[in-house]
Amino acid sequence: MTLPCHPPTRRRLLQAAGAVTALAALPGALHAQAAWPNRPLRVVVPFPPGGTTDFVTRLVCTEVAKALGQPIVVENKPGAGTVIGVDNVAKSPPDGTSFVTVANSFAANVTLVKKLPYDPLKDLRPVALMGMSEHVLATHPGSGIRSVADLRTAARKGGGTLSYASFGNGTSAHLSGAALAQQMGLDLVHVPYKGQAPALTDLLGGQVTLMFGNWPEFRGHVQSGKLVAIGMATAKRSAYAPDIPTLTEQGVAIVSNSWNGLLAPGGTPDAVVQRMNAEVNRALASPPVVEAFQKGGIASLSGTPEQFAAFIRTEIEHYAAVIRKAGITLDT
């Protein structure tokens, strides 16, 4: 028996055409994904040039660019406690060409800033941790302060005139200074800057009294006598500065550091995130980066995007507790 042959319906024709189109497009899509990156990338640093975050970013990106075969342009976009630079990337197309290097302030701003222009957990994707710098509490020689005990005496005599600088509102240097004042019962004036470099300049000039800063940038000034190290903000004596007592040894339990990690816009393809993570980890293990980190006193951090995501969640909880305990508030 011969069955009748009915002409295909319009619906079937459209379904067939759609399937053919999808199959035809599939190799191109796979090729585009495999060809990433096929144009230059950019990494935003939400701090001015000259600080640790800028140094780590440029150092690592130099090695990553070699591996990817595309230039990586580092753009400094400081301001608003890093919110401006982070928001710029959060609102960029998730096409694998834009990234941002964040630090502790990224986690602190979740609690500190009432209305962030981006959702830190949805609008950005963790890519890779890079480095961590220990903090030292330092002052200029003219202050006459050499220890935590000296600081207590000077603060009481100064009657609220002692000041501490930070990299900006919500940065680790700001929160550590606030915790120091809270723990010691001191009246200290916070002076925020748009990054560590300009803050350090004023500390060296005596315009501000104190500052929690990254050891890599402070080491040379401490060794030359241009700055005095009051104490390291580490749980135990630092391997990078074993002769400097910790703040904990002097009765102030503050552990502070600056970490750096790379984020991409939310929606960035998994393949891009995984490839970028792998190249950052390779860069961290490369001789130029290893040597520079060792000389600078920067600890290398590596791992998966998932581990970085878990780290960020832990940091958000940590800084939420610090901010609430110290009673820190911002208008923005």
Protein backbone atom coordinates (compact mmCIF):
# COMPACT_ATOMS: atom_id res chain seq x y z
CA MET A 1 0.00 0.00 0.00
CA THR A 2 1.23 3.41 -0.93
CA LEU A 3 0.65 6.05 1.71
CA PRO A 4 -0.42 9.50 0.55
CA CYS A 5 2.23 12.15 0.64
CA HIS A 6 0.98 15.37 2.22
CA PRO A 7 2.86 18.61 1.70
CA PRO A 8 4.61 19.84 4.83
CA THR A 9 2.77 22.42 6.86
CA ARG A 10 4.12 25.98 7.26
CA ARG A 11 4.93 25.15 10.88
CA ARG A 12 7.04 22.17 9.90
CA LEU A 13 8.86 24.21 7.28
CA LEU A 14 9.69 26.90 9.82
CA GLN A 15 10.90 24.31 12.33
CA ALA A 16 13.10 22.68 9.72
CA ALA A 17 14.47 26.02 8.59
CA GLY A 18 15.21 26.99 12.17
CA ALA A 19 17.06 23.76 12.79
CA VAL A 20 19.16 24.21 9.67
CA THR A 21 19.95 27.81 10.63
CA ALA A 22 20.97 26.76 14.15
CA LEU A 23 23.21 24.01 12.80
CA ALA A 24 24.76 26.38 10.31
CA ALA A 25 25.44 28.98 13.00
CA LEU A 26 26.87 26.49 15.49
CA PRO A 27 30.33 26.11 13.92
CA GLY A 28 30.68 29.88 13.71
CA ALA A 29 29.74 30.32 17.36
CA LEU A 30 32.15 27.63 18.41
CA HIS A 31 34.85 29.20 16.28
CA ALA A 32 34.26 32.64 17.82
CA GLN A 33 34.47 31.18 21.30
CA ALA A 34 37.63 29.26 20.47
CA ALA A 35 39.17 32.35 18.88
CA TRP A 36 38.87 34.45 22.05
CA PRO A 37 40.48 36.86 22.42
CA ASN A 38 40.41 38.28 18.91
CA ARG A 39 40.92 41.91 19.96
CA PRO A 40 42.66 43.88 22.73
CA LEU A 41 41.43 43.58 26.32
CA ARG A 42 41.19 46.24 29.00
CA VAL A 43 41.56 45.96 32.75
CA VAL A 44 40.28 48.79 34.91
CA VAL A 45 42.14 49.63 38.12
CA PRO A 46 39.86 51.69 40.41
CA PHE A 47 42.87 53.40 42.02
CA PRO A 48 45.41 55.95 40.76
CA PRO A 49 48.70 54.75 39.25
CA GLY A 50 51.53 53.93 41.62
CA GLY A 51 49.85 51.79 44.26
CA THR A 52 50.05 48.07 44.91
CA THR A 53 46.86 47.24 43.01
CA ASP A 54 48.14 49.09 39.96
CA PHE A 55 51.56 47.42 40.23
CA VAL A 56 50.14 43.89 40.60
CA THR A 57 47.67 44.40 37.76
CA ARG A 58 50.26 45.69 35.28
CA LEU A 59 52.78 43.02 36.24
CA VAL A 60 50.35 40.12 35.86
CA CYS A 61 48.69 41.53 32.74
CA THR A 62 52.05 41.82 31.00
CA GLU A 63 52.47 38.04 31.29
CA VAL A 64 48.83 37.26 30.48
CA ALA A 65 48.98 39.39 27.33
CA LYS A 66 51.96 37.37 26.08
CA ALA A 67 50.02 34.14 26.53
CA LEU A 68 46.81 35.42 24.94
CA GLY A 69 48.54 37.09 22.02
CA GLN A 70 46.56 40.31 22.51
CA PRO A 71 47.48 43.58 24.20
CA ILE A 72 45.89 44.37 27.57
CA VAL A 73 45.30 48.05 28.26
CA VAL A 74 45.26 48.98 31.96
CA GLU A 75 42.97 51.95 32.70
CA ASN A 76 43.06 53.81 36.03
CA LYS A 77 39.59 54.99 37.08
CA PRO A 78 39.80 56.04 40.76
CA GLY A 79 37.10 57.64 42.86
CA ALA A 80 34.16 57.01 45.20
CA GLY A 81 35.98 54.30 47.14
CA THR A 82 36.55 52.31 43.91
CA VAL A 83 32.84 52.38 43.01
CA ILE A 84 33.41 54.40 39.81
CA GLY A 85 35.88 51.97 38.29
CA VAL A 86 33.99 48.86 39.35
CA ASP A 87 30.70 50.24 38.04
CA ASN A 88 32.31 50.99 34.69
CA VAL A 89 33.11 47.31 34.17
CA ALA A 90 29.88 46.05 35.73
CA LYS A 91 28.01 47.94 33.00
CA SER A 92 30.34 46.88 30.18
CA PRO A 93 29.28 44.24 27.62
CA PRO A 94 30.06 40.70 28.86
CA ASP A 95 32.05 39.92 25.75
CA GLY A 96 35.33 38.97 27.41
CA THR A 97 37.10 42.24 26.69
CA SER A 98 36.59 44.12 29.99
CA PHE A 99 37.84 43.25 33.47
CA VAL A 100 38.43 45.09 36.75
CA THR A 101 40.94 44.53 39.53
CA VAL A 102 39.28 44.89 42.92
CA ALA A 103 40.59 44.98 46.47
CA ASN A 104 39.16 44.77 49.99
CA SER A 105 36.95 47.80 49.38
CA PHE A 106 34.88 45.77 46.92
CA ALA A 107 33.71 43.58 49.80
CA ALA A 108 33.44 46.42 52.32
CA ASN A 109 31.29 48.58 50.04
CA VAL A 110 28.49 46.03 50.17
CA THR A 111 27.82 47.15 53.75
CA LEU A 112 29.36 50.61 53.66
CA VAL A 113 27.63 52.14 50.64
CA LYS A 114 23.87 52.39 50.97
CA LYS A 115 23.06 52.33 47.27
CA LEU A 116 25.67 50.71 45.08
CA PRO A 117 25.03 51.27 41.35
CA TYR A 118 25.72 47.59 40.73
CA ASP A 119 24.96 44.25 42.39
CA PRO A 120 28.39 42.92 43.48
CA LEU A 121 27.27 39.29 43.34
CA LYS A 122 25.21 39.41 40.13
CA ASP A 123 26.68 42.10 37.92
CA LEU A 124 30.27 40.86 38.24
CA ARG A 125 31.94 37.44 37.97
CA PRO A 126 34.99 36.41 40.01
CA VAL A 127 37.85 35.38 37.71
CA ALA A 128 41.03 35.03 39.77
CA LEU A 129 42.79 36.15 42.93
CA MET A 130 46.24 37.60 42.33
CA GLY A 131 48.16 38.95 45.34
CA MET A 132 48.02 40.04 48.96
CA SER A 133 50.13 42.66 50.76
CA GLU A 134 50.51 42.90 54.53
CA HIS A 135 49.85 46.24 56.17
CA VAL A 136 52.12 48.27 58.40
CA LEU A 137 50.95 51.12 60.63
CA ALA A 138 53.39 53.95 60.00
CA THR A 139 53.96 57.58 60.88
CA HIS A 140 56.40 60.32 59.88
CA PRO A 141 59.45 60.84 62.14
CA GLY A 142 58.35 64.30 63.20
CA SER A 143 55.34 62.91 65.04
CA GLY A 144 57.58 61.53 67.79
CA ILE A 145 55.53 58.31 67.82
CA ARG A 146 57.50 55.07 67.88
CA SER A 147 55.04 52.56 69.38
CA VAL A 148 51.40 51.96 70.23
CA ALA A 149 52.08 53.33 73.71
CA ASP A 150 53.47 56.52 72.18
CA LEU A 151 50.41 56.78 69.97
CA ARG A 152 48.09 56.56 72.96
CA THR A 153 50.00 59.31 74.76
CA ALA A 154 50.15 61.56 71.69
CA ALA A 155 46.46 61.13 70.94
CA ARG A 156 45.46 62.09 74.46
CA LYS A 157 47.73 65.14 74.41
CA GLY A 158 46.60 66.10 70.90
CA GLY A 159 42.93 66.36 71.80
CA GLY A 160 41.57 65.06 68.50
CA THR A 161 44.19 66.60 66.22
CA LEU A 162 45.84 63.33 65.13
CA SER A 163 44.79 62.13 61.70
CA TYR A 164 45.09 58.96 59.68
CA ALA A 165 45.14 58.66 55.92
CA SER A 166 43.55 55.94 53.81
CA PHE A 167 43.32 54.85 50.17
CA GLY A 168 39.70 56.09 50.23
CA ASN A 169 36.42 55.59 52.04
CA GLY A 170 35.69 51.93 52.60
CA THR A 171 39.21 50.74 51.85
CA SER A 172 41.07 48.39 54.16
CA ALA A 173 43.27 51.27 55.36
CA HIS A 174 40.16 53.25 56.34
CA LEU A 175 38.51 50.37 58.18
CA SER A 176 41.73 49.41 59.97
CA GLY A 177 42.23 53.01 61.12
CA ALA A 178 38.68 53.13 62.40
CA ALA A 179 39.18 49.82 64.22
CA LEU A 180 42.41 51.16 65.76
CA ALA A 181 40.62 54.24 67.09
CA GLN A 182 37.75 52.12 68.36
CA GLN A 183 39.94 49.56 70.12
CA MET A 184 42.19 52.17 71.73
CA GLY A 185 39.43 54.62 72.54
CA LEU A 186 41.12 57.40 70.58
CA ASP A 187 39.75 60.37 68.68
CA LEU A 188 41.42 60.18 65.26
CA VAL A 189 40.48 62.19 62.17
CA HIS A 190 40.08 60.16 58.97
CA VAL A 191 41.50 61.74 55.78
CA PRO A 192 40.55 59.72 52.65
CA TYR A 193 42.54 59.89 49.41
CA LYS A 194 41.96 58.52 45.93
CA GLY A 195 44.52 55.75 46.32
CA GLN A 196 47.61 54.87 48.32
CA ALA A 197 50.13 56.91 46.31
CA PRO A 198 48.71 60.39 47.11
CA ALA A 199 48.05 59.37 50.72
CA LEU A 200 51.62 58.17 51.12
CA THR A 201 52.91 61.46 49.71
CA ASP A 202 51.10 63.42 52.41
CA LEU A 203 52.20 60.99 55.12
CA LEU A 204 55.83 61.52 54.07
CA GLY A 205 55.27 65.26 54.17
CA GLY A 206 53.70 65.19 57.62
CA GLN A 207 50.31 66.46 56.46
CA VAL A 208 48.72 63.42 58.13
CA THR A 209 49.94 61.57 61.23
CA LEU A 210 49.27 57.89 60.60
CA MET A 211 48.44 55.40 57.91
CA PHE A 212 47.88 51.70 57.42
CA GLY A 213 49.68 50.95 54.17
CA ASN A 214 50.95 48.14 51.99
CA TRP A 215 54.38 46.97 53.11
CA PRO A 216 55.79 46.84 49.53
CA GLU A 217 55.38 50.62 49.14
CA PHE A 218 56.35 51.47 52.73
CA ARG A 219 59.39 49.25 53.14
CA GLY A 220 61.90 51.54 51.42
CA HIS A 221 60.68 54.60 53.33
CA VAL A 222 60.85 52.75 56.66
CA GLN A 223 64.34 51.43 55.92
CA SER A 224 65.57 54.90 54.92
CA GLY A 225 64.10 56.51 58.04
CA LYS A 226 61.60 58.65 56.15
CA LEU A 227 58.81 56.79 57.94
CA VAL A 228 58.58 55.06 61.31
CA ALA A 229 56.89 51.65 61.53
CA ILE A 230 54.74 51.55 64.64
CA GLY A 231 53.78 47.92 64.05
CA MET A 232 52.85 45.30 61.47
CA ALA A 233 49.15 44.52 61.19
CA THR A 234 49.77 40.78 61.05
CA ALA A 235 48.78 37.91 63.31
CA LYS A 236 52.45 37.04 63.86
CA ARG A 237 55.81 38.53 62.92
CA SER A 238 55.97 39.07 59.20
CA ALA A 239 58.44 37.07 57.15
CA TYR A 240 58.98 40.25 55.14
CA ALA A 241 59.62 42.44 58.20
CA PRO A 242 60.62 40.15 61.10
CA ASP A 243 62.25 42.96 63.12
CA ILE A 244 59.08 45.02 63.35
CA PRO A 245 56.75 44.07 66.23
CA THR A 246 53.12 43.38 65.46
CA LEU A 247 50.31 45.55 66.73
CA THR A 248 48.96 42.49 68.50
CA GLU A 249 52.19 42.24 70.50
CA GLN A 250 51.55 45.80 71.61
CA GLY A 251 48.01 45.12 72.76
CA VAL A 252 45.98 46.04 69.65
CA ALA A 253 44.55 43.00 67.86
CA ILE A 254 44.29 44.27 64.29
CA VAL A 255 45.12 42.17 61.24
CA SER A 256 44.97 44.13 57.99
CA ASN A 257 46.05 43.59 54.41
CA SER A 258 45.26 44.43 50.82
CA TRP A 259 44.29 41.70 48.39
CA ASN A 260 43.76 42.01 44.65
CA GLY A 261 41.55 39.98 42.37
CA LEU A 262 40.16 40.10 38.85
CA LEU A 263 36.44 40.35 38.03
CA ALA A 264 34.53 40.30 34.74
CA PRO A 265 31.06 41.63 33.92
CA GLY A 266 28.20 39.32 34.87
CA GLY A 267 27.25 37.12 31.95
CA THR A 268 30.81 36.74 30.68
CA PRO A 269 31.01 33.22 29.13
CA ASP A 270 32.32 30.41 31.31
CA ALA A 271 34.97 29.53 28.73
CA VAL A 272 36.39 33.06 28.89
CA VAL A 273 36.41 33.11 32.69
CA GLN A 274 38.12 29.72 32.91
CA ARG A 275 40.73 30.62 30.28
CA MET A 276 41.50 33.96 31.92
CA ASN A 277 41.77 32.26 35.31
CA ALA A 278 44.22 29.72 33.91
CA GLU A 279 46.38 32.42 32.35
CA VAL A 280 46.43 34.52 35.53
CA ASN A 281 47.51 31.48 37.53
CA ARG A 282 50.25 30.76 34.99
CA ALA A 283 51.38 34.37 35.19
CA LEU A 284 51.58 34.18 38.99
CA ALA A 285 53.91 31.19 38.65
CA SER A 286 56.10 32.83 35.98
CA PRO A 287 59.66 33.85 36.96
CA PRO A 288 59.16 37.63 36.42
CA VAL A 289 56.08 37.74 38.68
CA VAL A 290 57.51 35.39 41.31
CA GLU A 291 60.69 37.47 41.53
CA ALA A 292 58.85 40.80 41.68
CA PHE A 293 56.43 39.52 44.34
CA GLN A 294 59.28 38.20 46.47
CA LYS A 295 61.22 41.46 46.23
CA GLY A 296 58.10 43.49 46.93
CA GLY A 297 56.80 41.42 49.83
CA ILE A 298 53.62 40.40 48.03
CA ALA A 299 52.11 36.98 48.66
CA SER A 300 50.89 35.18 45.54
CA LEU A 301 47.28 33.98 45.61
CA SER A 302 45.91 31.60 43.04
CA GLY A 303 42.96 29.27 42.67
CA THR A 304 39.72 28.73 40.79
CA PRO A 305 36.97 31.26 40.07
CA GLU A 306 34.77 29.33 42.48
CA GLN A 307 37.32 29.66 45.27
CA PHE A 308 37.60 33.38 44.61
CA ALA A 309 33.79 33.69 44.76
CA ALA A 310 33.78 31.94 48.15
CA PHE A 311 36.60 34.21 49.33
CA ILE A 312 34.61 37.31 48.37
CA ARG A 313 31.55 36.11 50.29
CA THR A 314 33.72 35.55 53.37
CA GLU A 315 35.26 39.01 53.02
CA ILE A 316 31.82 40.61 52.73
CA GLU A 317 30.81 39.02 56.03
CA HIS A 318 34.12 39.98 57.66
CA TYR A 319 33.91 43.64 56.72
CA ALA A 320 30.23 43.86 57.59
CA ALA A 321 31.16 42.92 61.16
CA VAL A 322 34.09 45.39 61.25
CA ILE A 323 31.99 48.26 59.89
CA ARG A 324 29.12 47.69 62.30
CA LYS A 325 31.40 47.30 65.31
CA ALA A 326 33.31 50.49 64.49
CA GLY A 327 30.10 52.35 63.69
CA ILE A 328 31.36 53.53 60.30
CA THR A 329 28.84 55.28 58.06
CA LEU A 330 29.10 57.07 54.73
CA ASP A 331 26.74 59.51 53.07
CA THR A 332 27.19 57.97 49.62
